[in-house]
Structures are given as structure tokens and as C-alpha cells.
Amino acid sequence: METSLRFGADSKALRIHAKEKLPIDSKTYLQIHGELDTKFGAPTYFSAVMRHFYPNLSASLGVGLQYTKREKLRYSVRGKKSFPVTTNGLLSFNIKGRCDVDNEFKEVGALFGL
């Protein structure tokens, strides 16, 4: 388990952050992470994502949910695809995307990056 102590500029309290990756099989794992605000003694963030890797396609897909203190519950789908530029695999071009929806399945955010 990875743990860290964080102190943000927007908060006057220390936060405890923890992250764990639980293997399901050789290409799938469940990633869980959360954050606890020490000022209020309550969680400010929690996320659980099931990730699956497709090594023959150089791609991954993740589906999960997250809870934040401000935005409450939302669902997310994310993907990543790698395109090799050189034959030896030392240089590649990565495309990432993510879409978040709220508990009524209305889109609240989408990201796309290279």
C-alpha cells in the first residue's frame, strides 16, 4: 500500500492519502485510493477503478467510480492506447481519454490527451 501525508494550499488540515492495487489476474487489477481529512475526520475522496490491460494492442481500459466531498458520486471510463514510433519500442505515441458522468448519467467531464 502506498501512503502519503499531504498539505494543500486550499486546506489548513493535513490529509492522509492511501492507494492500493489488488491483482485480479495477470492483466487486470482493482485500484483503490482515498483521502482522509484530519481536520474533520471524514473522507474527502475515494475511488475504485477496475483496470484491464491488452498487451497485444498496447492498450488499457479502466471503469470505476469516485466520491468527492464536493461533487459526490461519479462514474468514469478511461482508456489509453500506445502507438510505437520506432521498431525497437523506445519511442511511442500515447493517446489517453476519460469520460466522467454523475449519478444520473449526465456527462460532467471529458478529457483527451496526447
N, C-alpha and C. Protein backbone atom coordinates (compact mmCIF):
# COMPACT_ATOMS: atom_id res chain seq x y z
N MET A 1 0.85 -1.17 0.00
CA MET A 1 0.00 0.00 0.00
C MET A 1 0.90 1.24 0.00
N GLU A 2 0.57 2.19 -0.84
CA GLU A 2 1.26 3.46 -0.87
C GLU A 2 0.49 4.45 0.00
N THR A 3 1.17 5.12 0.90
CA THR A 3 0.53 6.14 1.72
C THR A 3 1.38 7.40 1.70
N SER A 4 0.71 8.53 1.88
CA SER A 4 1.42 9.80 1.92
C SER A 4 0.62 10.78 2.76
N LEU A 5 1.32 11.77 3.28
CA LEU A 5 0.70 12.87 4.00
C LEU A 5 0.74 14.08 3.09
N ARG A 6 -0.39 14.76 2.94
CA ARG A 6 -0.47 15.90 2.03
C ARG A 6 -1.04 17.11 2.74
N PHE A 7 -0.50 18.24 2.38
CA PHE A 7 -0.97 19.51 2.93
C PHE A 7 -1.14 20.46 1.77
N GLY A 8 -2.38 20.76 1.40
CA GLY A 8 -2.66 21.61 0.24
C GLY A 8 -2.80 23.07 0.62
N ALA A 9 -2.62 23.94 -0.34
CA ALA A 9 -2.75 25.37 -0.11
C ALA A 9 -4.20 25.77 0.16
N ASP A 10 -5.16 25.02 -0.39
CA ASP A 10 -6.57 25.35 -0.20
C ASP A 10 -7.13 24.85 1.14
N SER A 11 -6.37 24.03 1.85
CA SER A 11 -6.84 23.46 3.10
C SER A 11 -5.84 23.76 4.21
N LYS A 12 -6.33 23.90 5.41
CA LYS A 12 -5.44 24.13 6.54
C LYS A 12 -5.28 22.87 7.37
N ALA A 13 -5.64 21.74 6.81
CA ALA A 13 -5.55 20.48 7.53
C ALA A 13 -4.68 19.49 6.75
N LEU A 14 -4.10 18.60 7.49
CA LEU A 14 -3.30 17.54 6.90
C LEU A 14 -4.23 16.45 6.38
N ARG A 15 -3.91 15.92 5.21
CA ARG A 15 -4.71 14.84 4.63
C ARG A 15 -3.86 13.58 4.52
N ILE A 16 -4.46 12.46 4.81
CA ILE A 16 -3.79 11.17 4.68
C ILE A 16 -4.30 10.52 3.40
N HIS A 17 -3.39 10.19 2.49
CA HIS A 17 -3.74 9.62 1.19
C HIS A 17 -3.20 8.19 1.14
N ALA A 18 -4.02 7.26 0.68
CA ALA A 18 -3.61 5.86 0.56
C ALA A 18 -4.06 5.30 -0.78
N LYS A 19 -3.23 4.40 -1.35
CA LYS A 19 -3.53 3.80 -2.64
C LYS A 19 -3.08 2.35 -2.62
N GLU A 20 -3.92 1.48 -3.18
CA GLU A 20 -3.60 0.07 -3.23
C GLU A 20 -4.04 -0.50 -4.58
N LYS A 21 -3.20 -1.36 -5.15
CA LYS A 21 -3.53 -2.07 -6.39
C LYS A 21 -3.64 -3.56 -6.05
N LEU A 22 -4.84 -4.10 -6.24
CA LEU A 22 -5.10 -5.51 -5.94
C LEU A 22 -5.19 -6.30 -7.24
N PRO A 23 -4.28 -7.24 -7.47
CA PRO A 23 -4.34 -8.01 -8.71
C PRO A 23 -5.53 -8.95 -8.75
N ILE A 24 -6.23 -8.94 -9.87
CA ILE A 24 -7.35 -9.86 -10.09
C ILE A 24 -6.85 -11.05 -10.90
N ASP A 25 -6.16 -10.78 -12.00
CA ASP A 25 -5.44 -11.78 -12.77
C ASP A 25 -4.21 -11.10 -13.37
N SER A 26 -3.54 -11.75 -14.32
CA SER A 26 -2.27 -11.22 -14.83
C SER A 26 -2.45 -9.91 -15.61
N LYS A 27 -3.63 -9.62 -16.12
CA LYS A 27 -3.86 -8.42 -16.92
C LYS A 27 -4.90 -7.48 -16.33
N THR A 28 -5.42 -7.80 -15.16
CA THR A 28 -6.48 -7.00 -14.55
C THR A 28 -6.16 -6.73 -13.08
N TYR A 29 -6.40 -5.51 -12.65
CA TYR A 29 -6.27 -5.21 -11.22
C TYR A 29 -7.31 -4.19 -10.80
N LEU A 30 -7.59 -4.19 -9.51
CA LEU A 30 -8.51 -3.24 -8.91
C LEU A 30 -7.66 -2.21 -8.16
N GLN A 31 -7.80 -0.95 -8.54
CA GLN A 31 -7.04 0.12 -7.90
C GLN A 31 -7.98 0.90 -7.00
N ILE A 32 -7.63 0.99 -5.72
CA ILE A 32 -8.44 1.69 -4.73
C ILE A 32 -7.57 2.77 -4.11
N HIS A 33 -8.09 3.99 -4.04
CA HIS A 33 -7.38 5.01 -3.29
C HIS A 33 -8.34 6.00 -2.70
N GLY A 34 -7.90 6.60 -1.60
CA GLY A 34 -8.76 7.53 -0.88
C GLY A 34 -7.95 8.53 -0.09
N GLU A 35 -8.67 9.49 0.44
CA GLU A 35 -8.04 10.57 1.19
C GLU A 35 -8.91 10.89 2.40
N LEU A 36 -8.25 11.06 3.55
CA LEU A 36 -8.93 11.37 4.80
C LEU A 36 -8.45 12.73 5.30
N ASP A 37 -9.38 13.63 5.56
CA ASP A 37 -9.07 14.95 6.08
C ASP A 37 -8.98 14.85 7.61
N THR A 38 -7.81 15.20 8.16
CA THR A 38 -7.63 15.05 9.61
C THR A 38 -8.36 16.13 10.40
N LYS A 39 -8.71 17.23 9.76
CA LYS A 39 -9.43 18.29 10.47
C LYS A 39 -10.85 17.85 10.82
N PHE A 40 -11.52 17.20 9.86
CA PHE A 40 -12.91 16.77 10.06
C PHE A 40 -13.02 15.29 10.40
N GLY A 41 -11.98 14.52 10.15
CA GLY A 41 -12.03 13.08 10.40
C GLY A 41 -12.94 12.36 9.43
N ALA A 42 -13.10 12.92 8.24
CA ALA A 42 -14.01 12.34 7.24
C ALA A 42 -13.27 12.19 5.91
N PRO A 43 -13.69 11.23 5.10
CA PRO A 43 -13.06 11.08 3.79
C PRO A 43 -13.43 12.25 2.86
N THR A 44 -12.45 12.74 2.13
CA THR A 44 -12.70 13.79 1.15
C THR A 44 -12.68 13.25 -0.27
N TYR A 45 -12.11 12.05 -0.44
CA TYR A 45 -12.02 11.45 -1.77
C TYR A 45 -11.90 9.95 -1.62
N PHE A 46 -12.59 9.22 -2.51
CA PHE A 46 -12.48 7.77 -2.57
C PHE A 46 -12.70 7.35 -4.02
N SER A 47 -11.89 6.42 -4.48
CA SER A 47 -12.01 5.95 -5.86
C SER A 47 -11.71 4.46 -5.94
N ALA A 48 -12.46 3.77 -6.78
CA ALA A 48 -12.23 2.36 -7.07
C ALA A 48 -12.33 2.18 -8.58
N VAL A 49 -11.27 1.68 -9.19
CA VAL A 49 -11.22 1.53 -10.65
C VAL A 49 -10.73 0.13 -10.99
N MET A 50 -11.46 -0.55 -11.86
CA MET A 50 -11.04 -1.84 -12.39
C MET A 50 -10.31 -1.57 -13.70
N ARG A 51 -9.04 -1.96 -13.78
CA ARG A 51 -8.24 -1.72 -14.99
C ARG A 51 -7.85 -3.04 -15.63
N HIS A 52 -7.96 -3.06 -16.95
CA HIS A 52 -7.57 -4.24 -17.71
C HIS A 52 -6.61 -3.83 -18.81
N PHE A 53 -5.54 -4.59 -18.97
CA PHE A 53 -4.52 -4.30 -19.98
C PHE A 53 -4.65 -5.28 -21.13
N TYR A 54 -4.48 -4.75 -22.33
CA TYR A 54 -4.49 -5.54 -23.55
C TYR A 54 -3.10 -5.43 -24.16
N PRO A 55 -2.16 -6.31 -23.77
CA PRO A 55 -0.78 -6.16 -24.23
C PRO A 55 -0.61 -6.33 -25.74
N ASN A 56 -1.42 -7.16 -26.37
CA ASN A 56 -1.29 -7.34 -27.82
C ASN A 56 -1.74 -6.10 -28.58
N LEU A 57 -2.54 -5.22 -27.96
CA LEU A 57 -2.97 -3.97 -28.59
C LEU A 57 -2.22 -2.76 -28.02
N SER A 58 -1.37 -2.97 -27.03
CA SER A 58 -0.69 -1.87 -26.30
C SER A 58 -1.72 -0.86 -25.80
N ALA A 59 -2.76 -1.38 -25.14
CA ALA A 59 -3.86 -0.53 -24.68
C ALA A 59 -4.33 -0.97 -23.29
N SER A 60 -5.06 -0.07 -22.63
CA SER A 60 -5.67 -0.39 -21.34
C SER A 60 -7.02 0.30 -21.26
N LEU A 61 -7.91 -0.28 -20.44
CA LEU A 61 -9.24 0.26 -20.25
C LEU A 61 -9.56 0.21 -18.75
N GLY A 62 -10.13 1.28 -18.23
CA GLY A 62 -10.49 1.34 -16.83
C GLY A 62 -11.92 1.82 -16.64
N VAL A 63 -12.64 1.17 -15.74
CA VAL A 63 -14.02 1.55 -15.43
C VAL A 63 -14.13 1.61 -13.91
N GLY A 64 -14.72 2.70 -13.40
CA GLY A 64 -14.80 2.81 -11.96
C GLY A 64 -15.73 3.90 -11.48
N LEU A 65 -15.64 4.15 -10.18
CA LEU A 65 -16.44 5.21 -9.57
C LEU A 65 -15.57 5.98 -8.60
N GLN A 66 -15.98 7.22 -8.35
CA GLN A 66 -15.26 8.04 -7.39
C GLN A 66 -16.24 8.90 -6.61
N TYR A 67 -15.85 9.18 -5.37
CA TYR A 67 -16.65 10.02 -4.49
C TYR A 67 -15.77 11.16 -4.03
N THR A 68 -16.27 12.38 -4.19
CA THR A 68 -15.57 13.55 -3.66
C THR A 68 -16.51 14.31 -2.75
N LYS A 69 -15.93 15.06 -1.85
CA LYS A 69 -16.72 15.82 -0.88
C LYS A 69 -17.61 16.84 -1.58
N ARG A 70 -17.12 17.43 -2.64
CA ARG A 70 -17.88 18.48 -3.34
C ARG A 70 -18.83 17.94 -4.41
N GLU A 71 -18.33 17.00 -5.22
CA GLU A 71 -19.12 16.55 -6.39
C GLU A 71 -19.90 15.27 -6.13
N LYS A 72 -19.74 14.71 -4.96
CA LYS A 72 -20.41 13.47 -4.56
C LYS A 72 -19.99 12.30 -5.45
N LEU A 73 -20.92 11.53 -5.98
CA LEU A 73 -20.60 10.31 -6.71
C LEU A 73 -20.55 10.55 -8.21
N ARG A 74 -19.53 9.98 -8.86
CA ARG A 74 -19.48 9.99 -10.31
C ARG A 74 -18.81 8.72 -10.81
N TYR A 75 -19.15 8.36 -12.03
CA TYR A 75 -18.62 7.17 -12.68
C TYR A 75 -17.64 7.60 -13.76
N SER A 76 -16.66 6.77 -14.03
CA SER A 76 -15.68 7.15 -15.05
C SER A 76 -15.29 5.94 -15.90
N VAL A 77 -14.95 6.26 -17.14
CA VAL A 77 -14.39 5.31 -18.09
C VAL A 77 -13.15 5.96 -18.66
N ARG A 78 -12.05 5.23 -18.66
CA ARG A 78 -10.81 5.79 -19.19
C ARG A 78 -10.09 4.75 -20.04
N GLY A 79 -9.35 5.24 -21.01
CA GLY A 79 -8.62 4.36 -21.89
C GLY A 79 -7.30 4.97 -22.30
N LYS A 80 -6.37 4.10 -22.69
CA LYS A 80 -5.06 4.55 -23.14
C LYS A 80 -4.58 3.61 -24.22
N LYS A 81 -4.02 4.17 -25.29
CA LYS A 81 -3.52 3.38 -26.41
C LYS A 81 -2.15 3.91 -26.78
N SER A 82 -1.22 3.02 -27.00
CA SER A 82 0.15 3.38 -27.35
C SER A 82 0.44 2.93 -28.79
N PHE A 83 1.04 3.83 -29.56
CA PHE A 83 1.44 3.52 -30.93
C PHE A 83 2.96 3.64 -31.01
N PRO A 84 3.67 2.55 -31.33
CA PRO A 84 5.13 2.63 -31.40
C PRO A 84 5.58 3.48 -32.61
N VAL A 85 6.58 4.32 -32.37
CA VAL A 85 7.14 5.15 -33.44
C VAL A 85 8.38 4.49 -34.03
N THR A 86 9.18 3.87 -33.18
CA THR A 86 10.37 3.16 -33.64
C THR A 86 10.15 1.66 -33.52
N THR A 87 10.89 0.90 -34.28
CA THR A 87 10.72 -0.55 -34.26
C THR A 87 11.22 -1.20 -32.98
N ASN A 88 12.17 -0.56 -32.29
CA ASN A 88 12.68 -1.15 -31.05
C ASN A 88 11.81 -0.83 -29.83
N GLY A 89 10.78 0.01 -29.99
CA GLY A 89 9.84 0.30 -28.93
C GLY A 89 10.30 1.35 -27.93
N LEU A 90 11.43 2.00 -28.17
CA LEU A 90 11.92 3.01 -27.24
C LEU A 90 11.16 4.33 -27.33
N LEU A 91 10.50 4.56 -28.46
CA LEU A 91 9.73 5.79 -28.64
C LEU A 91 8.32 5.42 -29.08
N SER A 92 7.33 5.95 -28.37
CA SER A 92 5.94 5.65 -28.73
C SER A 92 5.09 6.90 -28.57
N PHE A 93 3.92 6.86 -29.20
CA PHE A 93 2.95 7.96 -29.19
C PHE A 93 1.75 7.46 -28.40
N ASN A 94 1.40 8.14 -27.30
CA ASN A 94 0.31 7.70 -26.42
C ASN A 94 -0.91 8.60 -26.56
N ILE A 95 -2.07 7.99 -26.60
CA ILE A 95 -3.35 8.70 -26.62
C ILE A 95 -4.13 8.26 -25.38
N LYS A 96 -4.64 9.23 -24.62
CA LYS A 96 -5.41 8.94 -23.41
C LYS A 96 -6.75 9.64 -23.50
N GLY A 97 -7.77 9.03 -22.93
CA GLY A 97 -9.09 9.65 -22.87
C GLY A 97 -9.83 9.23 -21.62
N ARG A 98 -10.73 10.11 -21.18
CA ARG A 98 -11.53 9.82 -19.99
C ARG A 98 -12.86 10.53 -20.11
N CYS A 99 -13.91 9.88 -19.63
CA CYS A 99 -15.24 10.48 -19.59
C CYS A 99 -15.84 10.21 -18.21
N ASP A 100 -16.32 11.27 -17.57
CA ASP A 100 -16.96 11.16 -16.25
C ASP A 100 -18.44 11.51 -16.37
N VAL A 101 -19.27 10.74 -15.68
CA VAL A 101 -20.70 11.03 -15.63
C VAL A 101 -21.14 11.04 -14.17
N ASP A 102 -22.20 11.79 -13.87
CA ASP A 102 -22.69 11.86 -12.49
C ASP A 102 -23.63 10.68 -12.21
N ASN A 103 -24.26 10.67 -11.05
CA ASN A 103 -25.11 9.54 -10.67
C ASN A 103 -26.40 9.47 -11.49
N GLU A 104 -26.72 10.50 -12.27
CA GLU A 104 -27.86 10.46 -13.19
C GLU A 104 -27.41 10.21 -14.62
N PHE A 105 -26.14 9.82 -14.80
CA PHE A 105 -25.50 9.51 -16.08
C PHE A 105 -25.49 10.69 -17.04
N LYS A 106 -25.34 11.90 -16.50
CA LYS A 106 -25.13 13.10 -17.31
C LYS A 106 -23.63 13.37 -17.33
N GLU A 107 -23.09 13.64 -18.51
CA GLU A 107 -21.66 13.87 -18.64
C GLU A 107 -21.25 15.12 -17.87
N VAL A 108 -20.25 14.97 -17.02
CA VAL A 108 -19.76 16.11 -16.24
C VAL A 108 -18.32 16.47 -16.60
N GLY A 109 -17.69 15.67 -17.42
CA GLY A 109 -16.34 16.00 -17.84
C GLY A 109 -15.79 14.95 -18.78
N ALA A 110 -15.00 15.42 -19.72
CA ALA A 110 -14.31 14.54 -20.64
C ALA A 110 -12.94 15.12 -20.93
N LEU A 111 -11.94 14.27 -20.97
CA LEU A 111 -10.57 14.70 -21.25
C LEU A 111 -10.00 13.85 -22.36
N PHE A 112 -9.14 14.46 -23.14
CA PHE A 112 -8.46 13.76 -24.20
C PHE A 112 -7.05 14.32 -24.26
N GLY A 113 -6.07 13.47 -24.32
CA GLY A 113 -4.70 13.95 -24.33
C GLY A 113 -3.80 13.11 -25.20
N LEU A 114 -2.73 13.73 -25.63
CA LEU A 114 -1.72 13.04 -26.43
C LEU A 114 -0.44 12.92 -25.65
